[in-house]
């Protein structure tokens, strides 16, 4: 299984922490791809930040078409509906 984990903000240190936790509980045959956008808000503090993250989130999803699962690593459902519309 290939799993894409996207932190929708630009905080790389948080992405690495999420990746480490995912690796610690994943099956041995699971490939974890953890990433975050290079531009956009450093954190998501409200509706405006969430809206600014969505285009970058969708771009990352488009760049990884060969994954079996996608996790949006965020406290709320930032971009979830748009992400669902962009994948099978």
Protein backbone atom coordinates (compact mmCIF):
# COMPACT_ATOMS: atom_id res chain seq x y z
CA UNK A 1 0.00 0.00 0.00
CA UNK A 2 1.14 3.51 -0.81
CA UNK A 3 -0.27 6.21 1.48
CA UNK A 4 0.02 9.93 0.83
CA UNK A 5 -0.13 12.07 3.95
CA UNK A 6 -0.52 15.78 3.26
CA UNK A 7 -0.06 18.43 5.90
CA UNK A 8 -1.93 21.27 4.16
CA UNK A 9 0.14 24.01 5.80
CA UNK A 10 3.81 24.72 5.16
CA UNK A 11 5.23 23.67 8.55
CA UNK A 12 7.76 21.01 7.59
CA UNK A 13 8.56 20.09 11.21
CA UNK A 14 4.93 19.09 11.80
CA UNK A 15 4.92 17.05 8.59
CA UNK A 16 7.97 15.10 9.82
CA UNK A 17 6.27 14.44 13.18
CA UNK A 18 3.14 13.14 11.45
CA UNK A 19 5.31 10.99 9.19
CA UNK A 20 7.14 9.46 12.17
CA UNK A 21 3.88 8.54 13.90
CA UNK A 22 2.46 7.06 10.70
CA UNK A 23 5.62 4.99 10.18
CA UNK A 24 5.42 3.71 13.75
CA UNK A 25 1.94 2.21 13.24
CA UNK A 26 2.00 1.31 9.54
CA UNK A 27 2.32 -2.25 8.30
CA UNK A 28 5.82 -3.13 7.08
CA UNK A 29 4.63 -3.19 3.46
CA UNK A 30 3.09 0.29 3.64
CA UNK A 31 4.96 3.09 1.90
CA UNK A 32 4.34 6.44 3.59
CA UNK A 33 4.75 9.58 1.49
CA UNK A 34 4.46 12.59 3.81
CA UNK A 35 4.60 16.08 2.37
CA UNK A 36 3.39 19.65 2.66
CA UNK A 37 3.12 22.56 0.23
CA UNK A 38 6.09 24.84 -0.26
CA UNK A 39 3.92 27.96 -0.24
CA UNK A 40 0.82 29.00 1.63
CA UNK A 41 -0.01 29.55 5.29
CA UNK A 42 2.37 28.22 7.94
CA UNK A 43 -0.64 27.30 10.05
CA UNK A 44 -4.39 27.15 9.60
CA UNK A 45 -6.04 29.56 12.01
CA UNK A 46 -9.37 30.14 10.32
CA UNK A 47 -11.42 30.07 7.15
CA UNK A 48 -9.07 32.30 5.17
CA UNK A 49 -6.00 30.16 5.91
CA UNK A 50 -7.94 27.01 5.05
CA UNK A 51 -9.04 28.49 1.73
CA UNK A 52 -5.47 29.49 0.91
CA UNK A 53 -4.28 25.91 1.52
CA UNK A 54 -6.74 24.13 -0.77
CA UNK A 55 -5.10 24.90 -4.15
CA UNK A 56 -1.73 23.68 -2.86
CA UNK A 57 -3.32 20.58 -1.33
CA UNK A 58 -4.99 19.69 -4.61
CA UNK A 59 -1.74 20.23 -6.51
CA UNK A 60 0.05 17.76 -4.24
CA UNK A 61 -2.73 15.22 -4.71
CA UNK A 62 -2.48 15.59 -8.51
CA UNK A 63 1.28 15.00 -8.28
CA UNK A 64 0.71 11.59 -6.61
CA UNK A 65 -1.83 9.71 -8.75
CA UNK A 66 -0.49 6.24 -7.88
CA UNK A 67 -1.39 6.13 -4.18
CA UNK A 68 -3.92 3.85 -2.52
CA UNK A 69 -4.92 6.24 0.25
CA UNK A 70 -4.70 9.93 1.07
CA UNK A 71 -4.68 11.39 4.56
CA UNK A 72 -5.13 15.12 5.10
CA UNK A 73 -3.21 15.71 8.32
CA UNK A 74 -5.12 18.64 9.75
CA UNK A 75 -7.24 19.33 12.81
CA UNK A 76 -10.27 19.99 10.64
CA UNK A 77 -11.32 18.86 7.18
CA UNK A 78 -9.31 21.43 5.23
CA UNK A 79 -9.87 20.73 1.55
CA UNK A 80 -11.53 17.36 2.14
CA UNK A 81 -14.54 17.93 -0.13
CA UNK A 82 -12.35 19.33 -2.92
CA UNK A 83 -9.90 16.44 -2.52
CA UNK A 84 -12.72 13.90 -2.78
CA UNK A 85 -13.85 15.52 -6.02
CA UNK A 86 -10.36 15.25 -7.51
CA UNK A 87 -9.75 11.51 -7.01
CA UNK A 88 -11.48 8.25 -7.81
